[in-house]
Amino acid sequence: MTDEFARDLLVALKERPHRISPKYFYDAEGSRLFDLICELPEYYPTRTELGILERSVAEMAALAGPGAEIVEFGAGSLRKVRLLLQAFDAPARYLPIDISGDHLRDAAAFLRREFAGLEVQPVVADYTRTLQLPPAGRGRRIGFFPGSTIGNFTPEEALAFLGGAAELLRGGALLLGVDLVKDPQLLHAAYNDAQGVTAAFNLNLLARANRELGANFVLPQFAHYAFYNAPLQRIEMHLVSRTRQAVALGGEGLVLEEGESLHTENSYKFTMTGVRTLAQRAGFRPGPIWTDPENLFSVHWLHAPPRSQA
């Protein structure tokens, strides 16, 4: 992962505009900061999605049927998937997929203690690439992709991911959490919190480069900048150079001009119709939708027809 981070960051700083994948936010410190973000008053997605799951998980369990396997793309804090594991009828297996082996091992050990008899089989992999999962059991395979992480993909990447998920889940379904288009002021506040935690999270990408790659980024010389790009229906996060500065990385010297930015994340927002259209293009058959009273967030049940029906 360190070699890949170094390569991608070097490419990002040489190309214009400068862009890097948001997956590099998530070292131990980045994960800690994101957990803090999820508790902020301005950041509605986590608590809103949890509320939807708590209210509707029994309906989801009934759709899944007995003995289901849960496949989670990007194992998180386990708070959300625990709701599924508690409500589903004798789930046969939990397959968390994550690029971080250490995180997965800790998650697996925790769940084995809490859910006696549940088979927990971690899969260390990048879920944005072609995946090989263990052979399916007798129950239906239910994918779980919460948190509107689908919004971090470009539209082309989102379609490719969902197409791959539809193949993996044939005969089962995908539970997909999706953030919805809303008042830009709510979106702006969610990514520019008063305590500055999101700014610290964004800047941690550079701090991580200093720690792991021996780079020499001076963090106060960069500004966190997040805004809602309404025509593209996405939040953009950037790190903006406050001054002309030299950066050393991987034995190379690079120059960032004043005002240049490193684009660190997109977070696309969706309409209900947009999600269903995208899912159909990827090979799913849209099913029930659950949302909150204010229509801030949504959770979608997407059927993955058997191959004979696909």
Foldseek 3Di string as FASTA:
>chain_A
DLVVLQVQQVVQQVDPQREGELVLLDDPVLLVLVVVLLPAPLAPFNVFVQVLCVVCLLVVQVQQAAQEEEEEEADHPCPRVVSNVVRHHHHAEYEYEEQDPVVLVVVQVVVCVVDPNYHYDYDNDNLLDQDDDDDDDPGFYEYEYEDLPLQQDDLVSSLSSLLNVLVVRAVGWYKYKAFADDDQVSVVCSQCPPVCSNVVSVLVSVVVCCVSFVKDDDSVQWGWDWGQPVVQQKIWIKTFGQAWDWMDTPNDIGIDHHGRINTNTIGHHHDPVRVCVSNVSSQWHWDDKTGDPVRRMIITITHSHHPVVD
